[in-house]
Structure formats: C-alpha cells, structure tokens
C-alpha cells in the first residue's frame, strides 16, 4: 500500500492511497508544503516514509495597465503619474497582469474602495476618485 499524507500543523492528513502506484493531485498553500509518501508491506508489518517538501512561490502581483481618462499613465517604480485637465472628473481603469487569479481594486487616498474587478476580461473602473 502506498499512501500520500500532507503534514499540516503537526497532523498527517491523507491526500491519496493506492495498492501499487499512485498519482494524486495535492492542494498547496503558499510557502513550504510537507508531504509523506508512506510505503507499507503487503502484510502491514513494515512501513517506510519518504518526506517531500514542495515550495509554492507567492504569485507576482503586478499592474499591467493603468489608464486615466483614456491615456495610459506613466509608471515610475510602483507609482504612476497622469495629467488631467483642471475641470475634469477623471475615469481611472486598472488591470493586473494576471487578472484570472487576482482582484484589482482602485482605492482613494482615504482608503475607500472605488472600483474592483476579478475577471479576466474587465478592468477595475472608478470615477470621481478625488475631491
């Protein structure tokens, strides 16, 4: 018998088991994930453990597009600069570089969320984000 166990908080949880060989999908969290592949003899008198560590990297969170009133804002490191006319109420649109897995939000200087999107086809949009 072959058993795949995931170690979580000092406990072993079964991720899959089979008689001779195993192929099983395992759920990962960000960071180190510890697993044990346990092989047991046919008569269940002997076992041998093989420990596996899988490191899942954190997803890169980058902004692909930031548009203010239809014009792409200029990027300077992690900041963007856009110029608008004095009497305008700018429309801001933002999209992450991987919109299928993250949510893009527009938040004003007071910390209020003005727009949010988590689909791959739309961009977060906000109007009148300043006063």
C-alpha atoms as a PDB file:
ATOM      1  CA  UNK A   1       0.000   0.000   0.000  1.00  0.00           C
ATOM      2  CA  UNK A   2       1.236   3.488  -0.857  1.00  0.00           C
ATOM      3  CA  UNK A   3      -0.231   6.457   0.968  1.00  0.00           C
ATOM      4  CA  UNK A   4       0.387  10.180   0.404  1.00  0.00           C
ATOM      5  CA  UNK A   5      -0.056  12.266   3.546  1.00  0.00           C
ATOM      6  CA  UNK A   6       0.044  16.053   3.894  1.00  0.00           C
ATOM      7  CA  UNK A   7       1.503  17.392   7.125  1.00  0.00           C
ATOM      8  CA  UNK A   8      -0.491  20.334   8.494  1.00  0.00           C
ATOM      9  CA  UNK A   9       0.082  21.689  11.984  1.00  0.00           C
ATOM     10  CA  UNK A  10       1.776  18.504  13.164  1.00  0.00           C
ATOM     11  CA  UNK A  11      -1.040  16.294  11.869  1.00  0.00           C
ATOM     12  CA  UNK A  12      -0.968  13.917   8.914  1.00  0.00           C
ATOM     13  CA  UNK A  13      -3.936  14.101   6.530  1.00  0.00           C
ATOM     14  CA  UNK A  14      -4.412  11.513   3.802  1.00  0.00           C
ATOM     15  CA  UNK A  15      -4.115  13.045   0.327  1.00  0.00           C
ATOM     16  CA  UNK A  16      -4.387   9.746  -1.545  1.00  0.00           C
ATOM     17  CA  UNK A  17      -3.773   5.999  -1.320  1.00  0.00           C
ATOM     18  CA  UNK A  18      -3.352   3.077  -3.737  1.00  0.00           C
ATOM     19  CA  UNK A  19      -2.077  -0.505  -3.839  1.00  0.00           C
ATOM     20  CA  UNK A  20       0.989  -0.385  -6.127  1.00  0.00           C
ATOM     21  CA  UNK A  21       1.459   3.112  -7.507  1.00  0.00           C
ATOM     22  CA  UNK A  22      -0.204   6.442  -7.014  1.00  0.00           C
ATOM     23  CA  UNK A  23      -0.883   9.610  -8.958  1.00  0.00           C
ATOM     24  CA  UNK A  24      -2.784  12.182  -6.953  1.00  0.00           C
ATOM     25  CA  UNK A  25      -3.340  15.914  -7.124  1.00  0.00           C
ATOM     26  CA  UNK A  26      -2.417  17.694  -3.898  1.00  0.00           C
ATOM     27  CA  UNK A  27      -3.553  21.094  -2.676  1.00  0.00           C
ATOM     28  CA  UNK A  28      -0.760  23.548  -1.973  1.00  0.00           C
ATOM     29  CA  UNK A  29      -0.565  26.711   0.068  1.00  0.00           C
ATOM     30  CA  UNK A  30       1.982  29.471  -0.486  1.00  0.00           C
ATOM     31  CA  UNK A  31       5.332  28.536   1.056  1.00  0.00           C
ATOM     32  CA  UNK A  32       6.600  25.136   2.189  1.00  0.00           C
ATOM     33  CA  UNK A  33       4.159  22.218   1.930  1.00  0.00           C
ATOM     34  CA  UNK A  34       5.248  18.993   3.628  1.00  0.00           C
ATOM     35  CA  UNK A  35       4.173  15.551   2.446  1.00  0.00           C
ATOM     36  CA  UNK A  36       4.960  11.982   3.369  1.00  0.00           C
ATOM     37  CA  UNK A  37       4.828   9.111   0.923  1.00  0.00           C
ATOM     38  CA  UNK A  38       4.342   6.034   3.098  1.00  0.00           C
ATOM     39  CA  UNK A  39       5.018   2.583   1.668  1.00  0.00           C
ATOM     40  CA  UNK A  40       3.563  -0.330   3.623  1.00  0.00           C
ATOM     41  CA  UNK A  41       4.384  -4.025   3.183  1.00  0.00           C
ATOM     42  CA  UNK A  42       1.672  -6.377   1.967  1.00  0.00           C
ATOM     43  CA  UNK A  43       1.297  -7.945   5.415  1.00  0.00           C
ATOM     44  CA  UNK A  44       1.297  -4.460   7.075  1.00  0.00           C
ATOM     45  CA  UNK A  45       4.266  -5.328   9.314  1.00  0.00           C
ATOM     46  CA  UNK A  46       6.707  -2.799   7.850  1.00  0.00           C
ATOM     47  CA  UNK A  47       6.468   0.787   6.652  1.00  0.00           C
ATOM     48  CA  UNK A  48       8.918   3.265   5.207  1.00  0.00           C
ATOM     49  CA  UNK A  49       8.319   7.007   4.952  1.00  0.00           C
ATOM     50  CA  UNK A  50       9.704   9.319   2.287  1.00  0.00           C
ATOM     51  CA  UNK A  51       9.390  13.007   3.093  1.00  0.00           C
ATOM     52  CA  UNK A  52       8.768  15.603   0.387  1.00  0.00           C
ATOM     53  CA  UNK A  53       8.806  19.397   0.687  1.00  0.00           C
ATOM     54  CA  UNK A  54       7.177  21.407  -2.088  1.00  0.00           C
ATOM     55  CA  UNK A  55       7.695  25.165  -2.059  1.00  0.00           C
ATOM     56  CA  UNK A  56       4.923  27.113  -3.758  1.00  0.00           C
ATOM     57  CA  UNK A  57       6.091  30.603  -4.638  1.00  0.00           C
ATOM     58  CA  UNK A  58       3.884  33.581  -3.980  1.00  0.00           C
ATOM     59  CA  UNK A  59       2.074  34.926  -7.021  1.00  0.00           C
ATOM     60  CA  UNK A  60       3.575  38.031  -8.574  1.00  0.00           C
ATOM     61  CA  UNK A  61       1.177  40.940  -8.215  1.00  0.00           C
ATOM     62  CA  UNK A  62       1.874  43.428 -10.961  1.00  0.00           C
ATOM     63  CA  UNK A  63      -0.265  46.051 -12.608  1.00  0.00           C
ATOM     64  CA  UNK A  64      -0.392  45.666 -16.378  1.00  0.00           C
ATOM     65  CA  UNK A  65      -2.472  48.678 -17.267  1.00  0.00           C
ATOM     66  CA  UNK A  66      -3.452  51.935 -15.606  1.00  0.00           C
ATOM     67  CA  UNK A  67      -5.463  54.332 -17.753  1.00  0.00           C
ATOM     68  CA  UNK A  68      -6.666  57.783 -16.675  1.00  0.00           C
ATOM     69  CA  UNK A  69      -9.230  59.430 -18.967  1.00  0.00           C
ATOM     70  CA  UNK A  70      -8.260  57.153 -21.837  1.00  0.00           C
ATOM     71  CA  UNK A  71      -4.500  57.821 -21.572  1.00  0.00           C
ATOM     72  CA  UNK A  72      -2.030  55.288 -20.215  1.00  0.00           C
ATOM     73  CA  UNK A  73      -0.437  56.633 -17.008  1.00  0.00           C
ATOM     74  CA  UNK A  74       3.369  56.780 -16.831  1.00  0.00           C
ATOM     75  CA  UNK A  75       4.948  54.282 -14.441  1.00  0.00           C
ATOM     76  CA  UNK A  76       7.754  55.223 -12.045  1.00  0.00           C
ATOM     77  CA  UNK A  77       8.558  52.160  -9.939  1.00  0.00           C
ATOM     78  CA  UNK A  78       5.376  51.329  -8.042  1.00  0.00           C
ATOM     79  CA  UNK A  79       3.832  54.743  -8.683  1.00  0.00           C
ATOM     80  CA  UNK A  80       2.013  56.123 -11.700  1.00  0.00           C
ATOM     81  CA  UNK A  81       1.651  59.704 -12.881  1.00  0.00           C
ATOM     82  CA  UNK A  82      -1.162  61.040 -15.040  1.00  0.00           C
ATOM     83  CA  UNK A  83      -2.123  64.581 -16.018  1.00  0.00           C
ATOM     84  CA  UNK A  84      -5.749  65.668 -16.372  1.00  0.00           C
ATOM     85  CA  UNK A  85      -7.456  68.974 -17.117  1.00  0.00           C
ATOM     86  CA  UNK A  86      -8.448  71.144 -14.154  1.00  0.00           C
ATOM     87  CA  UNK A  87     -12.202  70.817 -14.645  1.00  0.00           C
ATOM     88  CA  UNK A  88     -12.368  67.081 -15.358  1.00  0.00           C
ATOM     89  CA  UNK A  89     -13.683  64.156 -13.329  1.00  0.00           C
ATOM     90  CA  UNK A  90     -11.189  61.523 -14.441  1.00  0.00           C
ATOM     91  CA  UNK A  91     -12.120  57.921 -15.094  1.00  0.00           C
ATOM     92  CA  UNK A  92      -9.442  55.532 -13.814  1.00  0.00           C
ATOM     93  CA  UNK A  93      -9.116  51.992 -15.178  1.00  0.00           C
ATOM     94  CA  UNK A  94      -6.670  49.391 -13.851  1.00  0.00           C
ATOM     95  CA  UNK A  95      -5.898  45.753 -14.679  1.00  0.00           C
ATOM     96  CA  UNK A  96      -3.403  43.330 -13.160  1.00  0.00           C
ATOM     97  CA  UNK A  97      -1.023  41.326 -15.330  1.00  0.00           C
ATOM     98  CA  UNK A  98      -2.795  38.108 -14.269  1.00  0.00           C
ATOM     99  CA  UNK A  99      -6.484  39.051 -13.883  1.00  0.00           C
ATOM    100  CA  UNK A 100      -7.663  35.442 -13.853  1.00  0.00           C
ATOM    101  CA  UNK A 101      -6.243  34.923 -10.355  1.00  0.00           C
ATOM    102  CA  UNK A 102      -6.273  38.289  -8.585  1.00  0.00           C
ATOM    103  CA  UNK A 103      -8.650  41.115  -7.815  1.00  0.00           C
ATOM    104  CA  UNK A 104      -7.745  44.615  -8.963  1.00  0.00           C
ATOM    105  CA  UNK A 105      -9.131  47.431  -6.818  1.00  0.00           C
ATOM    106  CA  UNK A 106      -8.960  51.203  -7.007  1.00  0.00           C
ATOM    107  CA  UNK A 107      -8.733  52.828  -3.574  1.00  0.00           C
ATOM    108  CA  UNK A 108      -8.720  56.572  -2.908  1.00  0.00           C
ATOM    109  CA  UNK A 109      -6.372  58.377  -0.521  1.00  0.00           C
ATOM    110  CA  UNK A 110      -8.910  57.995   2.308  1.00  0.00           C
ATOM    111  CA  UNK A 111      -8.791  54.208   1.921  1.00  0.00           C
ATOM    112  CA  UNK A 112     -12.237  53.881   0.324  1.00  0.00           C
ATOM    113  CA  UNK A 113     -12.591  51.297  -2.439  1.00  0.00           C
ATOM    114  CA  UNK A 114     -13.958  52.960  -5.566  1.00  0.00           C
ATOM    115  CA  UNK A 115     -13.833  50.086  -8.025  1.00  0.00           C
ATOM    116  CA  UNK A 116     -12.955  46.390  -8.076  1.00  0.00           C
ATOM    117  CA  UNK A 117     -12.868  43.538 -10.577  1.00  0.00           C
ATOM    118  CA  UNK A 118     -11.687  39.930 -10.544  1.00  0.00           C
ATOM    119  CA  UNK A 119     -12.479  38.752 -14.078  1.00  0.00           C
ATOM    120  CA  UNK A 120     -10.004  38.354 -16.901  1.00  0.00           C
ATOM    121  CA  UNK A 121     -11.978  40.421 -19.431  1.00  0.00           C
ATOM    122  CA  UNK A 122     -12.733  43.596 -17.461  1.00  0.00           C
ATOM    123  CA  UNK A 123     -10.724  46.336 -15.817  1.00  0.00           C
ATOM    124  CA  UNK A 124     -11.453  47.939 -12.453  1.00  0.00           C
ATOM    125  CA  UNK A 125     -13.013  51.321 -13.142  1.00  0.00           C
ATOM    126  CA  UNK A 126     -13.610  54.279 -10.847  1.00  0.00           C
ATOM    127  CA  UNK A 127     -14.974  57.780 -11.438  1.00  0.00           C
ATOM    128  CA  UNK A 128     -14.548  60.866  -9.295  1.00  0.00           C
ATOM    129  CA  UNK A 129     -11.838  59.411  -7.099  1.00  0.00           C
ATOM    130  CA  UNK A 130     -10.751  62.725  -5.627  1.00  0.00           C
ATOM    131  CA  UNK A 131     -12.361  65.836  -4.116  1.00  0.00           C
END
